[in-house]
Amino acid sequence: IRAPLRHAVRRFPMASRAARLGGDPNLHKQIQFLHGITRRAYRIAMTMQLFSRLESGLPVEVAAQDVSAGELQKFLVEAVMDNNAISDPSRGVEFVVDGPAFEQVTWAQVAVDRNLFDQAINDLLDNAGKYSFMHTRVMVEARLTKAHLVITIGNIGLRIGADQVLEVVKKGVRGVLAKSGVAEGEGLGLWIVSEIMKAHGGRVEIVPTTPHPENRTLVNLWFPLRSK
């Protein structure tokens, strides 16, 4: 399943550039939509493979390469474009990368498996969009600590309490409000993201939702910094 989807995903950027240069905004928009849907199908196939490995007691396989925060920003911009293209326009949820935040950390380097990074980021963007209130923004931000590059995905939506943040990263567990408010989901996304981060020597952190009226939930991905 993955192989033909992977080949299709790799060809969409070229088609998108051709449509943009051809001056046809509607065609470009349609190609972006198909690109986003194909990438989502590819991630579902990836999820099936990862789930199979983890259920068999095998670790997540990581083929890590050194990349800069600046390179990750370019990837995140593309992921945000895809999610904007395939999101339900009637809900009015917008995905945005905080460019100035990344400009402060462009020199930072981490070791990541690009395919697994794609899986983790897009699983989180999908969750954030699904559980966001209408006409709100999903923000992707970055910051540095002494030892980590932290990528944050924040949304305004269904609340996750302090008593749930350690539970929702377990297999098959969903937040209380998520189960009652959104039928879609099996409680695998955050669990798989957590396993991906562990395989990178990092971790995923769910920050409890801030009080009403903002209801902002943050998910932090902590990637160990590479030495300069």
C-alpha atoms as a PDB file:
ATOM      1  CA  ILE A   1       0.000   0.000   0.000  1.00  0.00           C
ATOM      2  CA  ARG A   2       2.755   2.428   0.971  1.00  0.00           C
ATOM      3  CA  ALA A   3       4.879   2.142  -2.182  1.00  0.00           C
ATOM      4  CA  PRO A   4       2.442   3.589  -4.776  1.00  0.00           C
ATOM      5  CA  LEU A   5       1.295   6.247  -2.322  1.00  0.00           C
ATOM      6  CA  ARG A   6       4.909   7.247  -1.645  1.00  0.00           C
ATOM      7  CA  HIS A   7       5.594   7.624  -5.361  1.00  0.00           C
ATOM      8  CA  ALA A   8       2.440   9.711  -5.815  1.00  0.00           C
ATOM      9  CA  VAL A   9       3.325  11.992  -2.887  1.00  0.00           C
ATOM     10  CA  ARG A  10       6.770  12.672  -4.375  1.00  0.00           C
ATOM     11  CA  ARG A  11       5.290  13.763  -7.713  1.00  0.00           C
ATOM     12  CA  PHE A  12       2.687  16.195  -6.401  1.00  0.00           C
ATOM     13  CA  PRO A  13       5.114  19.058  -5.609  1.00  0.00           C
ATOM     14  CA  MET A  14       6.241  19.146  -9.253  1.00  0.00           C
ATOM     15  CA  ALA A  15       2.616  19.234 -10.443  1.00  0.00           C
ATOM     16  CA  SER A  16       1.833  21.936  -7.893  1.00  0.00           C
ATOM     17  CA  ARG A  17       4.731  24.119  -9.076  1.00  0.00           C
ATOM     18  CA  ALA A  18       3.665  23.683 -12.715  1.00  0.00           C
ATOM     19  CA  ALA A  19       0.101  24.758 -11.886  1.00  0.00           C
ATOM     20  CA  ARG A  20       1.349  27.765  -9.919  1.00  0.00           C
ATOM     21  CA  LEU A  21       3.682  28.870 -12.721  1.00  0.00           C
ATOM     22  CA  GLY A  22       0.869  28.356 -15.210  1.00  0.00           C
ATOM     23  CA  GLY A  23      -1.162  30.980 -13.386  1.00  0.00           C
ATOM     24  CA  ASP A  24      -4.169  28.763 -12.689  1.00  0.00           C
ATOM     25  CA  PRO A  25      -5.016  29.236  -8.981  1.00  0.00           C
ATOM     26  CA  ASN A  26      -7.989  26.870  -9.086  1.00  0.00           C
ATOM     27  CA  LEU A  27      -5.899  24.039 -10.566  1.00  0.00           C
ATOM     28  CA  HIS A  28      -3.176  24.703  -8.001  1.00  0.00           C
ATOM     29  CA  LYS A  29      -5.760  24.524  -5.204  1.00  0.00           C
ATOM     30  CA  GLN A  30      -7.143  21.221  -6.500  1.00  0.00           C
ATOM     31  CA  ILE A  31      -3.654  19.708  -6.785  1.00  0.00           C
ATOM     32  CA  GLN A  32      -2.864  20.824  -3.238  1.00  0.00           C
ATOM     33  CA  PHE A  33      -6.056  19.128  -2.049  1.00  0.00           C
ATOM     34  CA  LEU A  34      -5.163  15.860  -3.812  1.00  0.00           C
ATOM     35  CA  HIS A  35      -1.630  16.089  -2.418  1.00  0.00           C
ATOM     36  CA  GLY A  36      -2.971  16.444   1.123  1.00  0.00           C
ATOM     37  CA  ILE A  37      -5.406  13.545   0.747  1.00  0.00           C
ATOM     38  CA  THR A  38      -2.712  11.280  -0.735  1.00  0.00           C
ATOM     39  CA  ARG A  39      -0.308  12.136   2.078  1.00  0.00           C
ATOM     40  CA  ARG A  40      -3.025  11.336   4.602  1.00  0.00           C
ATOM     41  CA  ALA A  41      -3.607   7.935   2.955  1.00  0.00           C
ATOM     42  CA  TYR A  42       0.158   7.306   3.073  1.00  0.00           C
ATOM     43  CA  ARG A  43       0.216   8.138   6.786  1.00  0.00           C
ATOM     44  CA  ILE A  44      -2.640   5.700   7.418  1.00  0.00           C
ATOM     45  CA  ALA A  45      -0.561   2.990   5.758  1.00  0.00           C
ATOM     46  CA  MET A  46       2.409   4.045   7.929  1.00  0.00           C
ATOM     47  CA  THR A  47       0.193   3.850  11.023  1.00  0.00           C
ATOM     48  CA  MET A  48      -0.795   0.296  10.135  1.00  0.00           C
ATOM     49  CA  GLN A  49       2.856  -0.702   9.796  1.00  0.00           C
ATOM     50  CA  LEU A  50       3.905   1.002  13.038  1.00  0.00           C
ATOM     51  CA  PHE A  51       0.954  -0.479  14.914  1.00  0.00           C
ATOM     52  CA  SER A  52       1.869  -3.949  13.647  1.00  0.00           C
ATOM     53  CA  ARG A  53       5.494  -3.568  14.783  1.00  0.00           C
ATOM     54  CA  LEU A  54       4.604  -2.224  18.202  1.00  0.00           C
ATOM     55  CA  GLU A  55       1.940  -4.882  18.784  1.00  0.00           C
ATOM     56  CA  SER A  56       4.553  -7.524  17.908  1.00  0.00           C
ATOM     57  CA  GLY A  57       6.883  -6.104  20.546  1.00  0.00           C
ATOM     58  CA  LEU A  58       9.286  -4.654  17.986  1.00  0.00           C
ATOM     59  CA  PRO A  59      10.736  -1.135  18.357  1.00  0.00           C
ATOM     60  CA  VAL A  60      10.122   1.748  15.984  1.00  0.00           C
ATOM     61  CA  GLU A  61      12.903   1.691  13.372  1.00  0.00           C
ATOM     62  CA  VAL A  62      14.632   5.065  12.993  1.00  0.00           C
ATOM     63  CA  ALA A  63      16.793   6.104  10.023  1.00  0.00           C
ATOM     64  CA  ALA A  64      17.833   9.470  11.434  1.00  0.00           C
ATOM     65  CA  GLN A  65      19.648  12.241   9.586  1.00  0.00           C
ATOM     66  CA  ASP A  66      20.964  15.546  10.911  1.00  0.00           C
ATOM     67  CA  VAL A  67      18.673  18.403   9.900  1.00  0.00           C
ATOM     68  CA  SER A  68      18.465  22.034  10.952  1.00  0.00           C
ATOM     69  CA  ALA A  69      15.453  23.744  12.442  1.00  0.00           C
ATOM     70  CA  GLY A  70      15.352  25.828   9.271  1.00  0.00           C
ATOM     71  CA  GLU A  71      14.950  22.673   7.172  1.00  0.00           C
ATOM     72  CA  LEU A  72      12.232  21.415   9.499  1.00  0.00           C
ATOM     73  CA  GLN A  73      10.429  24.736   9.106  1.00  0.00           C
ATOM     74  CA  LYS A  74      10.208  24.218   5.333  1.00  0.00           C
ATOM     75  CA  PHE A  75       8.709  20.792   5.909  1.00  0.00           C
ATOM     76  CA  LEU A  76       6.249  22.161   8.477  1.00  0.00           C
ATOM     77  CA  VAL A  77       5.110  24.889   6.072  1.00  0.00           C
ATOM     78  CA  GLU A  78       4.310  22.176   3.520  1.00  0.00           C
ATOM     79  CA  ALA A  79       2.462  20.107   6.127  1.00  0.00           C
ATOM     80  CA  VAL A  80       0.437  23.164   7.149  1.00  0.00           C
ATOM     81  CA  MET A  81      -0.439  23.888   3.511  1.00  0.00           C
ATOM     82  CA  ASP A  82      -1.671  20.318   3.069  1.00  0.00           C
ATOM     83  CA  ASN A  83      -3.818  20.472   6.190  1.00  0.00           C
ATOM     84  CA  ASN A  84      -5.284  23.809   5.152  1.00  0.00           C
ATOM     85  CA  ALA A  85      -6.085  22.333   1.734  1.00  0.00           C
ATOM     86  CA  ILE A  86      -7.982  19.308   3.063  1.00  0.00           C
ATOM     87  CA  SER A  87      -9.632  20.817   6.156  1.00  0.00           C
ATOM     88  CA  ASP A  88     -13.390  21.373   6.128  1.00  0.00           C
ATOM     89  CA  PRO A  89     -13.829  25.017   5.008  1.00  0.00           C
ATOM     90  CA  SER A  90     -17.142  25.281   6.862  1.00  0.00           C
ATOM     91  CA  ARG A  91     -15.298  24.889  10.190  1.00  0.00           C
ATOM     92  CA  GLY A  92     -12.865  27.715   9.436  1.00  0.00           C
ATOM     93  CA  VAL A  93      -9.871  26.169  11.230  1.00  0.00           C
ATOM     94  CA  GLU A  94      -6.593  27.634   9.935  1.00  0.00           C
ATOM     95  CA  PHE A  95      -3.134  26.036  10.264  1.00  0.00           C
ATOM     96  CA  VAL A  96      -0.193  28.453  10.649  1.00  0.00           C
ATOM     97  CA  VAL A  97       3.586  28.162  11.166  1.00  0.00           C
ATOM     98  CA  ASP A  98       5.068  30.856  13.412  1.00  0.00           C
ATOM     99  CA  GLY A  99       7.895  31.960  11.088  1.00  0.00           C
ATOM    100  CA  PRO A 100       9.547  34.467  13.476  1.00  0.00           C
ATOM    101  CA  ALA A 101       9.817  31.772  16.174  1.00  0.00           C
ATOM    102  CA  PHE A 102      11.705  29.476  13.788  1.00  0.00           C
ATOM    103  CA  GLU A 103      13.962  32.310  12.616  1.00  0.00           C
ATOM    104  CA  GLN A 104      15.343  32.481  16.159  1.00  0.00           C
ATOM    105  CA  VAL A 105      16.421  28.823  16.114  1.00  0.00           C
ATOM    106  CA  THR A 106      17.379  28.125  12.477  1.00  0.00           C
ATOM    107  CA  TRP A 107      20.924  27.119  13.421  1.00  0.00           C
ATOM    108  CA  ALA A 108      19.804  24.347  15.786  1.00  0.00           C
ATOM    109  CA  GLN A 109      20.345  20.781  14.551  1.00  0.00           C
ATOM    110  CA  VAL A 110      18.551  17.582  15.499  1.00  0.00           C
ATOM    111  CA  ALA A 111      18.647  14.013  14.204  1.00  0.00           C
ATOM    112  CA  VAL A 112      15.290  12.899  12.808  1.00  0.00           C
ATOM    113  CA  ASP A 113      13.839  10.230  10.576  1.00  0.00           C
ATOM    114  CA  ARG A 114      12.023  12.328   7.977  1.00  0.00           C
ATOM    115  CA  ASN A 115       9.245   9.790   7.401  1.00  0.00           C
ATOM    116  CA  LEU A 116       8.584   9.385  11.117  1.00  0.00           C
ATOM    117  CA  PHE A 117       8.745  13.153  11.636  1.00  0.00           C
ATOM    118  CA  ASP A 118       6.138  13.510   8.889  1.00  0.00           C
ATOM    119  CA  GLN A 119       3.985  10.912  10.632  1.00  0.00           C
ATOM    120  CA  ALA A 120       4.218  12.538  14.061  1.00  0.00           C
ATOM    121  CA  ILE A 121       3.638  16.122  12.910  1.00  0.00           C
ATOM    122  CA  ASN A 122       0.709  15.322  10.677  1.00  0.00           C
ATOM    123  CA  ASP A 123      -0.933  13.075  13.275  1.00  0.00           C
ATOM    124  CA  LEU A 124      -0.758  16.014  15.697  1.00  0.00           C
ATOM    125  CA  LEU A 125      -2.022  18.521  13.120  1.00  0.00           C
ATOM    126  CA  ASP A 126      -4.890  16.184  12.279  1.00  0.00           C
ATOM    127  CA  ASN A 127      -5.809  15.852  15.960  1.00  0.00           C
ATOM    128  CA  ALA A 128      -5.514  19.589  16.540  1.00  0.00           C
ATOM    129  CA  GLY A 129      -7.774  20.370  13.604  1.00  0.00           C
ATOM    130  CA  LYS A 130     -10.297  17.721  14.573  1.00  0.00           C
ATOM    131  CA  TYR A 131     -10.668  18.922  18.165  1.00  0.00           C
ATOM    132  CA  SER A 132     -10.428  22.688  17.508  1.00  0.00           C
ATOM    133  CA  PHE A 133     -13.357  25.050  17.911  1.00  0.00           C
ATOM    134  CA  MET A 134     -14.666  26.624  14.718  1.00  0.00           C
ATOM    135  CA  HIS A 135     -12.863  29.681  13.312  1.00  0.00           C
ATOM    136  CA  THR A 136      -9.693  29.234  15.376  1.00  0.00           C
ATOM    137  CA  ARG A 137      -6.008  28.747  14.544  1.00  0.00           C
ATOM    138  CA  VAL A 138      -3.692  25.792  14.974  1.00  0.00           C
ATOM    139  CA  MET A 139      -0.225  27.271  15.578  1.00  0.00           C
ATOM    140  CA  VAL A 140       3.112  25.512  15.002  1.00  0.00           C
ATOM    141  CA  GLU A 141       5.921  27.126  17.012  1.00  0.00           C
ATOM    142  CA  ALA A 142       9.524  26.429  18.026  1.00  0.00           C
ATOM    143  CA  ARG A 143      11.891  27.272  20.864  1.00  0.00           C
ATOM    144  CA  LEU A 144      15.194  26.103  22.321  1.00  0.00           C
ATOM    145  CA  THR A 145      16.190  24.858  25.726  1.00  0.00           C
ATOM    146  CA  LYS A 146      19.770  24.035  26.706  1.00  0.00           C
ATOM    147  CA  ALA A 147      19.479  20.508  25.351  1.00  0.00           C
ATOM    148  CA  HIS A 148      16.389  20.374  23.130  1.00  0.00           C
ATOM    149  CA  LEU A 149      14.602  21.833  20.144  1.00  0.00           C
ATOM    150  CA  VAL A 150      10.949  21.996  21.151  1.00  0.00           C
ATOM    151  CA  ILE A 151       8.295  22.053  18.433  1.00  0.00           C
ATOM    152  CA  THR A 152       4.870  23.033  19.733  1.00  0.00           C
ATOM    153  CA  ILE A 153       1.476  22.512  18.157  1.00  0.00           C
ATOM    154  CA  GLY A 154      -1.235  24.525  19.888  1.00  0.00           C
ATOM    155  CA  ASN A 155      -4.954  24.690  19.295  1.00  0.00           C
ATOM    156  CA  ILE A 156      -8.048  26.181  20.906  1.00  0.00           C
ATOM    157  CA  GLY A 157     -10.655  23.510  21.405  1.00  0.00           C
ATOM    158  CA  LEU A 158     -11.778  20.581  23.520  1.00  0.00           C
ATOM    159  CA  ARG A 159     -10.159  20.592  26.944  1.00  0.00           C
ATOM    160  CA  ILE A 160      -7.579  18.091  28.182  1.00  0.00           C
ATOM    161  CA  GLY A 161      -7.295  18.190  31.967  1.00  0.00           C
ATOM    162  CA  ALA A 162      -4.150  17.735  34.040  1.00  0.00           C
ATOM    163  CA  ASP A 163      -5.464  14.328  35.116  1.00  0.00           C
ATOM    164  CA  GLN A 164      -5.574  13.133  31.485  1.00  0.00           C
ATOM    165  CA  VAL A 165      -2.238  14.266  30.003  1.00  0.00           C
ATOM    166  CA  LEU A 166      -0.378  11.076  30.933  1.00  0.00           C
ATOM    167  CA  GLU A 167      -3.277   8.839  29.943  1.00  0.00           C
ATOM    168  CA  VAL A 168      -4.001  10.115  26.410  1.00  0.00           C
ATOM    169  CA  VAL A 169      -0.569   9.019  25.153  1.00  0.00           C
ATOM    170  CA  LYS A 170      -1.405   5.403  26.023  1.00  0.00           C
ATOM    171  CA  LYS A 171      -2.728   2.992  23.407  1.00  0.00           C
ATOM    172  CA  GLY A 172      -6.470   3.153  22.902  1.00  0.00           C
ATOM    173  CA  VAL A 173      -7.052   6.081  25.269  1.00  0.00           C
ATOM    174  CA  ARG A 174      -8.879   9.269  24.210  1.00  0.00           C
ATOM    175  CA  GLY A 175      -9.720  12.356  26.223  1.00  0.00           C
ATOM    176  CA  VAL A 176     -13.083  12.392  27.975  1.00  0.00           C
ATOM    177  CA  LEU A 177     -14.447  15.307  25.925  1.00  0.00           C
ATOM    178  CA  ALA A 178     -12.904  13.936  22.718  1.00  0.00           C
ATOM    179  CA  LYS A 179     -14.835  10.683  23.099  1.00  0.00           C
ATOM    180  CA  SER A 180     -18.121  12.462  23.650  1.00  0.00           C
ATOM    181  CA  GLY A 181     -17.588  15.286  21.140  1.00  0.00           C
ATOM    182  CA  VAL A 182     -15.898  13.617  18.149  1.00  0.00           C
ATOM    183  CA  ALA A 183     -16.825  10.116  17.045  1.00  0.00           C
ATOM    184  CA  GLU A 184     -13.754   9.639  14.823  1.00  0.00           C
ATOM    185  CA  GLY A 185     -10.617   8.169  16.383  1.00  0.00           C
ATOM    186  CA  GLU A 186      -9.311   4.996  18.016  1.00  0.00           C
ATOM    187  CA  GLY A 187      -6.838   6.498  20.481  1.00  0.00           C
ATOM    188  CA  LEU A 188      -3.761   5.418  18.508  1.00  0.00           C
ATOM    189  CA  GLY A 189      -2.386   8.725  17.203  1.00  0.00           C
ATOM    190  CA  LEU A 190      -0.810  10.130  20.359  1.00  0.00           C
ATOM    191  CA  TRP A 191       0.414   6.687  21.399  1.00  0.00           C
ATOM    192  CA  ILE A 192       2.250   6.246  18.100  1.00  0.00           C
ATOM    193  CA  VAL A 193       3.637   9.807  18.291  1.00  0.00           C
ATOM    194  CA  SER A 194       4.908   9.014  21.786  1.00  0.00           C
ATOM    195  CA  GLU A 195       6.645   5.855  20.544  1.00  0.00           C
ATOM    196  CA  ILE A 196       8.177   7.780  17.621  1.00  0.00           C
ATOM    197  CA  MET A 197       9.575  10.393  20.002  1.00  0.00           C
ATOM    198  CA  LYS A 198      10.989   7.743  22.350  1.00  0.00           C
ATOM    199  CA  ALA A 199      12.745   6.147  19.372  1.00  0.00           C
ATOM    200  CA  HIS A 200      14.364   9.546  18.678  1.00  0.00           C
ATOM    201  CA  GLY A 201      15.570   9.839  22.267  1.00  0.00           C
ATOM    202  CA  GLY A 202      12.992  12.564  22.868  1.00  0.00           C
ATOM    203  CA  ARG A 203       9.485  12.746  24.260  1.00  0.00           C
ATOM    204  CA  VAL A 204       6.014  14.112  23.662  1.00  0.00           C
ATOM    205  CA  GLU A 205       4.505  16.381  26.309  1.00  0.00           C
ATOM    206  CA  ILE A 206       0.816  17.287  26.548  1.00  0.00           C
ATOM    207  CA  VAL A 207       0.292  20.573  28.381  1.00  0.00           C
ATOM    208  CA  PRO A 208      -3.086  20.739  30.193  1.00  0.00           C
ATOM    209  CA  THR A 209      -5.580  23.073  28.547  1.00  0.00           C
ATOM    210  CA  THR A 210      -5.558  26.621  29.882  1.00  0.00           C
ATOM    211  CA  PRO A 211      -8.784  27.832  31.529  1.00  0.00           C
ATOM    212  CA  HIS A 212     -11.801  29.249  29.745  1.00  0.00           C
ATOM    213  CA  PRO A 213     -12.220  31.329  27.599  1.00  0.00           C
ATOM    214  CA  GLU A 214      -9.047  30.516  25.654  1.00  0.00           C
ATOM    215  CA  ASN A 215      -9.044  26.723  26.057  1.00  0.00           C
ATOM    216  CA  ARG A 216      -5.578  26.441  24.476  1.00  0.00           C
ATOM    217  CA  THR A 217      -3.960  23.009  24.449  1.00  0.00           C
ATOM    218  CA  LEU A 218      -0.249  22.571  23.649  1.00  0.00           C
ATOM    219  CA  VAL A 219       1.583  19.470  22.484  1.00  0.00           C
ATOM    220  CA  ASN A 220       5.370  19.733  22.743  1.00  0.00           C
ATOM    221  CA  LEU A 221       7.800  17.506  20.850  1.00  0.00           C
ATOM    222  CA  TRP A 222      11.201  17.491  22.572  1.00  0.00           C
ATOM    223  CA  PHE A 223      14.067  16.621  20.184  1.00  0.00           C
ATOM    224  CA  PRO A 224      17.600  16.332  21.614  1.00  0.00           C
ATOM    225  CA  LEU A 225      19.978  18.889  20.095  1.00  0.00           C
ATOM    226  CA  ARG A 226      22.988  17.725  18.130  1.00  0.00           C
ATOM    227  CA  SER A 227      26.365  19.114  19.113  1.00  0.00           C
ATOM    228  CA  LYS A 228      27.507  22.176  17.152  1.00  0.00           C
END
